[in-house]
Amino acid sequence: MCFGPGEWGFDEYLVFPGSGRYYRQQTTHYRVNGEQKELLEGQYLPDIMHDFIVKFLDRHKDQPFFLYYPMSHVHGPIVPTPDSKPGADAGQLYRDNVEYMDKLVGKLMAELDRLHLREKTLVIFAGDNGTARFGVKAATVNGRSISGQKATMLEGGSRVPLVVNWPGVTPAGKVNRDLVDFSDFFATFAELGGAPLPEGVKLDSHSFAAQIKGGQGTPRQWVYVELNGKSYARDARFKLTNRGELFDLSEAPYKEIPVASDTTDSAAVAARKQLQKVLDDHPAAPGGPNKKAAKAARKKARRQS
């Protein structure tokens, strides 16, 4: 069974069939609070979502609210935006989508200003995974290419932007290098909202509320990443995979330096020991089905039917 926003506790929501399906030519409907709506010719679903969000903010400006805004412009397939010029190539369309996403973020910030909510609203902007192959050339950091991409176990597959804005609370222009992963949002939001964490439940969630406010907090010591039977644990400097490979991340995200298994470097030896404990406590689930085998099985099923 596939749960939607309503089953996960959202009071109001808008959903549409998938990334890149933003026009009438790709999809005819979307849903608002469970009710099906027709997508009209000339409408662009990200704009409809933005309008929905603006109305939500206006309705709830006088009470606490939580808003989750999943933008999907740079998830494939990449299609033209309303600002794209006819005949734009794939590289230009990718840039167009990044710029349109930025445009909508700017409009959201302007709306918070208009409603006098900016100083009492925490805004967090984050990616959900590394860049896919079609955007890798544009996905540089300080003009340098990064190691790996989406669906890899390299840093380019797991590192994402995390930008926090809370005027008067979060120090402007400060860079924090603490380890953070998405499980930490739960404890962070609970702390900022004054909600107690559930008792009797072991949570891999470390609040970074103190860091948001400019303090030191208690940063997590390791991060665990898993994908299709592969996994790794990393600390501030080293990464250990479930295949026993150790990497020095001192030059990441640009380079990941292999560390020999027989190294006598004390820092590397200690890191391997500590990170192996994390991997032992988090056994990776078996990998997914082979894509070629699954495709062949589907073709065979169609022939038989």
Protein backbone atom coordinates (compact mmCIF):
# COMPACT_ATOMS: atom_id res chain seq x y z
CA MET A 1 0.00 0.00 0.00
CA CYS A 2 1.32 3.42 -0.95
CA PHE A 3 0.70 6.13 1.62
CA GLY A 4 0.20 9.72 0.52
CA PRO A 5 0.50 13.02 2.41
CA GLY A 6 -2.92 12.59 4.03
CA GLU A 7 -1.97 9.20 5.52
CA TRP A 8 1.26 10.74 6.83
CA GLY A 9 -0.62 13.42 8.73
CA PHE A 10 -0.62 16.46 6.43
CA ASP A 11 -3.80 18.50 6.81
CA GLU A 12 -3.58 20.06 3.34
CA TYR A 13 -1.66 18.91 0.30
CA LEU A 14 -1.26 19.00 -3.47
CA VAL A 15 0.14 16.06 -5.41
CA PHE A 16 0.73 15.38 -9.10
CA PRO A 17 1.73 12.26 -11.09
CA GLY A 18 5.49 12.81 -11.23
CA SER A 19 8.55 14.87 -12.10
CA GLY A 20 8.49 16.43 -15.55
CA ARG A 21 4.73 15.96 -15.90
CA TYR A 22 3.89 19.60 -15.58
CA TYR A 23 1.75 20.32 -18.65
CA ARG A 24 -1.51 19.12 -20.14
CA GLN A 25 0.46 17.15 -22.75
CA GLN A 26 1.97 14.95 -20.00
CA THR A 27 -0.83 14.70 -17.48
CA THR A 28 -4.45 15.76 -17.28
CA HIS A 29 -5.05 15.82 -13.53
CA TYR A 30 -3.60 16.57 -10.12
CA ARG A 31 -5.07 16.23 -6.63
CA VAL A 32 -5.71 18.76 -3.87
CA ASN A 33 -6.57 17.33 -0.45
CA GLY A 34 -7.63 14.10 -2.15
CA GLU A 35 -9.89 15.80 -4.69
CA GLN A 36 -9.01 15.39 -8.36
CA LYS A 37 -8.52 18.61 -10.33
CA GLU A 38 -8.22 19.02 -14.10
CA LEU A 39 -4.99 20.49 -15.46
CA LEU A 40 -5.98 22.97 -18.14
CA GLU A 41 -4.15 23.74 -21.37
CA GLY A 42 -1.36 26.26 -20.77
CA GLN A 43 -1.13 25.66 -17.01
CA TYR A 44 2.21 24.73 -15.42
CA LEU A 45 1.99 22.52 -12.33
CA PRO A 46 4.90 24.08 -10.36
CA ASP A 47 3.09 27.44 -10.65
CA ILE A 48 -0.13 25.82 -9.45
CA MET A 49 1.75 24.35 -6.48
CA HIS A 50 3.25 27.74 -5.70
CA ASP A 51 -0.19 29.39 -5.76
CA PHE A 52 -1.48 26.64 -3.45
CA ILE A 53 1.36 27.39 -1.03
CA VAL A 54 0.71 31.14 -1.12
CA LYS A 55 -2.93 30.56 -0.22
CA PHE A 56 -1.90 28.16 2.56
CA LEU A 57 0.42 30.78 4.06
CA ASP A 58 -2.26 33.43 3.87
CA ARG A 59 -4.77 31.19 5.66
CA HIS A 60 -2.35 30.20 8.43
CA LYS A 61 -0.28 33.36 8.90
CA ASP A 62 -1.67 33.89 12.39
CA GLN A 63 -0.91 30.38 13.71
CA PRO A 64 2.04 27.99 13.77
CA PHE A 65 2.46 25.93 10.61
CA PHE A 66 4.77 23.41 8.98
CA LEU A 67 5.11 23.53 5.19
CA TYR A 68 6.89 20.88 3.12
CA TYR A 69 7.58 22.14 -0.40
CA PRO A 70 9.06 19.37 -2.61
CA MET A 71 10.32 21.11 -5.75
CA SER A 72 11.23 18.71 -8.56
CA HIS A 73 12.52 20.87 -11.41
CA VAL A 74 15.95 19.24 -11.65
CA HIS A 75 14.63 15.69 -11.44
CA GLY A 76 14.33 13.99 -14.82
CA PRO A 77 12.76 14.21 -17.28
CA ILE A 78 13.82 17.83 -17.78
CA VAL A 79 11.12 19.73 -19.67
CA PRO A 80 10.83 23.39 -20.71
CA THR A 81 9.71 25.97 -18.16
CA PRO A 82 7.37 28.85 -19.01
CA ASP A 83 10.53 30.99 -19.36
CA SER A 84 12.34 28.62 -21.75
CA LYS A 85 12.92 29.69 -25.33
CA PRO A 86 11.80 27.41 -28.19
CA GLY A 87 14.49 25.01 -29.38
CA ALA A 88 16.58 25.14 -26.19
CA ASP A 89 19.00 22.21 -25.93
CA ALA A 90 19.20 19.82 -22.99
CA GLY A 91 21.91 21.82 -21.21
CA GLN A 92 19.96 25.03 -21.49
CA LEU A 93 16.75 23.37 -20.29
CA TYR A 94 18.59 22.13 -17.20
CA ARG A 95 19.78 25.69 -16.48
CA ASP A 96 16.25 26.97 -17.16
CA ASN A 97 14.83 24.61 -14.55
CA VAL A 98 17.40 25.61 -11.93
CA GLU A 99 16.62 29.27 -12.61
CA TYR A 100 12.86 28.72 -12.45
CA MET A 101 13.24 26.89 -9.16
CA ASP A 102 15.28 29.83 -7.83
CA LYS A 103 12.59 32.17 -9.10
CA LEU A 104 9.88 30.33 -7.15
CA VAL A 105 12.04 30.31 -4.00
CA GLY A 106 12.44 34.07 -4.37
CA LYS A 107 8.68 34.49 -4.76
CA LEU A 108 8.15 32.41 -1.62
CA MET A 109 10.55 34.62 0.37
CA ALA A 110 8.76 37.72 -0.95
CA GLU A 111 5.46 36.25 0.20
CA LEU A 112 6.81 35.66 3.71
CA ASP A 113 7.96 39.28 3.74
CA ARG A 114 4.54 40.49 2.57
CA LEU A 115 2.83 38.58 5.36
CA HIS A 116 5.38 39.81 7.95
CA LEU A 117 6.36 36.21 8.65
CA ARG A 118 10.01 36.22 7.60
CA GLU A 119 11.49 36.93 11.06
CA LYS A 120 9.43 34.19 12.71
CA THR A 121 9.75 31.53 10.03
CA LEU A 122 12.58 29.01 9.75
CA VAL A 123 13.29 28.20 6.09
CA ILE A 124 15.41 25.17 5.22
CA PHE A 125 16.42 24.47 1.62
CA ALA A 126 17.95 21.06 0.89
CA GLY A 127 18.52 18.62 -1.95
CA ASP A 128 17.37 15.03 -1.52
CA ASN A 129 20.25 13.27 -3.30
CA GLY A 130 23.18 13.89 -5.58
CA THR A 131 22.89 15.17 -9.14
CA ALA A 132 21.80 12.77 -11.90
CA ARG A 133 23.99 12.16 -14.94
CA PHE A 134 22.28 14.79 -17.10
CA GLY A 135 23.24 17.55 -14.67
CA VAL A 136 26.68 16.41 -13.57
CA LYS A 137 28.63 18.81 -15.79
CA ALA A 138 26.78 21.76 -14.26
CA ALA A 139 26.94 20.42 -10.70
CA THR A 140 30.25 21.89 -9.62
CA VAL A 141 31.38 23.31 -6.28
CA ASN A 142 33.51 26.44 -6.55
CA GLY A 143 33.91 25.61 -10.23
CA ARG A 144 35.30 22.13 -9.55
CA SER A 145 33.73 18.79 -10.46
CA ILE A 146 32.75 16.59 -7.55
CA SER A 147 33.29 12.87 -6.99
CA GLY A 148 30.39 10.79 -8.23
CA GLN A 149 26.72 11.47 -8.89
CA LYS A 150 23.24 10.27 -8.00
CA ALA A 151 22.89 6.49 -7.49
CA THR A 152 26.58 6.08 -6.63
CA MET A 153 28.17 5.51 -3.24
CA LEU A 154 30.57 8.39 -3.83
CA GLU A 155 30.21 11.75 -2.12
CA GLY A 156 28.50 13.23 -5.18
CA GLY A 157 25.69 10.75 -4.60
CA SER A 158 24.97 11.63 -0.98
CA ARG A 159 26.15 15.18 -0.28
CA VAL A 160 23.45 17.78 -0.82
CA PRO A 161 22.96 21.51 -0.24
CA LEU A 162 21.59 22.49 3.17
CA VAL A 163 20.79 26.17 3.54
CA VAL A 164 19.09 27.58 6.64
CA ASN A 165 17.52 31.04 6.84
CA TRP A 166 15.92 32.60 9.92
CA PRO A 167 16.50 36.35 10.08
CA GLY A 168 17.55 37.50 13.52
CA VAL A 169 18.23 33.93 14.67
CA THR A 170 20.58 32.21 12.21
CA PRO A 171 23.92 34.02 11.69
CA ALA A 172 24.07 35.32 8.12
CA GLY A 173 26.82 33.93 5.89
CA LYS A 174 28.06 31.35 8.38
CA VAL A 175 29.22 27.93 7.13
CA ASN A 176 28.78 25.00 9.50
CA ARG A 177 30.75 21.83 8.75
CA ASP A 178 29.04 19.51 11.22
CA LEU A 179 27.74 16.18 9.92
CA VAL A 180 23.98 16.28 9.35
CA ASP A 181 21.61 13.80 7.73
CA PHE A 182 17.89 13.82 7.03
CA SER A 183 17.02 11.82 10.14
CA ASP A 184 18.20 14.85 12.12
CA PHE A 185 15.32 16.99 10.87
CA PHE A 186 12.90 15.09 13.14
CA ALA A 187 14.68 15.88 16.41
CA THR A 188 15.49 19.41 15.24
CA PHE A 189 11.92 20.34 14.39
CA ALA A 190 10.66 18.70 17.59
CA GLU A 191 13.08 20.77 19.68
CA LEU A 192 12.29 24.04 17.91
CA GLY A 193 8.57 23.34 18.16
CA GLY A 194 8.73 22.40 21.84
CA ALA A 195 7.47 18.86 21.20
CA PRO A 196 8.85 15.96 23.31
CA LEU A 197 10.37 13.02 21.45
CA PRO A 198 8.51 9.71 21.79
CA GLU A 199 9.54 7.63 24.78
CA GLY A 200 10.78 4.08 24.47
CA VAL A 201 11.89 4.54 20.86
CA LYS A 202 15.50 4.49 19.69
CA LEU A 203 16.00 7.33 17.25
CA ASP A 204 18.96 7.97 14.98
CA SER A 205 18.19 11.69 15.02
CA HIS A 206 20.42 14.44 16.38
CA SER A 207 18.97 17.88 16.78
CA PHE A 208 20.95 20.69 15.14
CA ALA A 209 18.66 23.39 16.55
CA ALA A 210 21.57 24.88 18.50
CA GLN A 211 23.65 25.21 15.33
CA ILE A 212 20.72 26.92 13.57
CA LYS A 213 20.81 29.50 16.34
CA GLY A 214 24.57 29.96 15.98
CA GLY A 215 25.63 27.68 18.85
CA GLN A 216 27.82 24.57 18.92
CA GLY A 217 25.24 21.96 19.88
CA THR A 218 26.19 18.28 20.01
CA PRO A 219 27.00 17.26 16.42
CA ARG A 220 26.62 13.66 15.35
CA GLN A 221 29.86 11.68 15.07
CA TRP A 222 28.94 9.56 12.04
CA VAL A 223 26.53 9.27 9.12
CA TYR A 224 25.21 6.05 7.58
CA VAL A 225 24.30 5.79 3.87
CA GLU A 226 22.72 2.80 2.10
CA LEU A 227 21.67 2.08 -1.49
CA ASN A 228 20.70 -1.23 -3.12
CA GLY A 229 22.67 -3.47 -0.79
CA LYS A 230 25.68 -1.16 -0.64
CA SER A 231 26.38 0.99 2.40
CA TYR A 232 28.98 3.06 4.14
CA ALA A 233 29.53 4.87 7.41
CA ARG A 234 31.60 8.02 7.58
CA ASP A 235 32.91 10.43 10.17
CA ALA A 236 34.38 13.88 9.70
CA ARG A 237 37.35 12.49 7.74
CA PHE A 238 37.00 8.82 6.82
CA LYS A 239 34.47 6.63 4.98
CA LEU A 240 34.22 2.83 5.41
CA THR A 241 32.09 0.78 3.00
CA ASN A 242 30.40 -2.52 3.75
CA ARG A 243 32.94 -4.05 1.35
CA GLY A 244 35.74 -3.07 3.70
CA GLU A 245 37.06 -0.15 1.62
CA LEU A 246 38.35 2.81 3.63
CA PHE A 247 38.64 6.30 2.10
CA ASP A 248 40.22 9.50 3.32
CA LEU A 249 37.77 12.37 2.69
CA SER A 250 40.13 15.22 3.50
CA GLU A 251 39.89 16.36 -0.14
CA ALA A 252 36.20 15.53 -0.63
CA PRO A 253 33.88 16.19 -2.34
CA TYR A 254 36.43 16.49 -5.15
CA LYS A 255 38.54 13.42 -4.37
CA GLU A 256 38.16 10.31 -2.20
CA ILE A 257 41.55 8.85 -1.39
CA PRO A 258 41.75 5.04 -0.87
CA VAL A 259 43.47 3.98 2.34
CA ALA A 260 45.42 0.71 2.27
CA SER A 261 43.93 -2.05 4.41
CA ASP A 262 47.30 -2.58 6.09
CA THR A 263 47.90 1.08 6.92
CA THR A 264 49.54 1.84 10.23
CA ASP A 265 48.23 5.41 10.36
CA SER A 266 46.70 5.65 13.83
CA ALA A 267 43.82 7.92 12.76
CA ALA A 268 42.83 5.60 9.92
CA VAL A 269 43.08 2.49 12.10
CA ALA A 270 40.89 4.06 14.79
CA ALA A 271 38.35 5.25 12.21
CA ARG A 272 38.07 1.79 10.64
CA LYS A 273 37.37 0.27 14.05
CA GLN A 274 34.71 2.82 15.02
CA LEU A 275 33.00 2.89 11.63
CA GLN A 276 32.90 -0.90 11.46
CA LYS A 277 30.84 -0.85 14.65
CA VAL A 278 28.33 1.40 12.90
CA LEU A 279 28.14 -0.92 9.90
CA ASP A 280 27.72 -3.94 12.19
CA ASP A 281 24.76 -2.21 13.85
CA HIS A 282 23.25 -1.29 10.47
CA PRO A 283 23.37 -4.33 8.17
CA ALA A 284 22.46 -3.30 4.63
CA ALA A 285 19.31 -4.78 3.13
CA PRO A 286 19.79 -6.99 0.06
CA GLY A 287 20.16 -5.11 -3.22
CA GLY A 288 17.24 -4.54 -5.58
CA PRO A 289 16.50 -6.74 -8.62
CA ASN A 290 18.79 -6.63 -11.62
CA LYS A 291 17.31 -4.06 -13.99
CA LYS A 292 18.05 -6.03 -17.18
CA ALA A 293 16.59 -9.21 -15.71
CA ALA A 294 13.48 -7.36 -14.52
CA LYS A 295 12.98 -5.76 -17.97
CA ALA A 296 13.34 -9.13 -19.69
CA ALA A 297 10.82 -10.66 -17.30
CA ARG A 298 8.28 -7.92 -18.06
CA LYS A 299 8.71 -8.44 -21.83
CA LYS A 300 8.22 -12.20 -21.41
CA ALA A 301 5.07 -11.61 -19.35
CA ARG A 302 3.63 -9.35 -22.06
CA ARG A 303 4.32 -11.97 -24.75
CA GLN A 304 2.62 -14.67 -22.72
CA SER A 305 -0.42 -12.52 -22.10
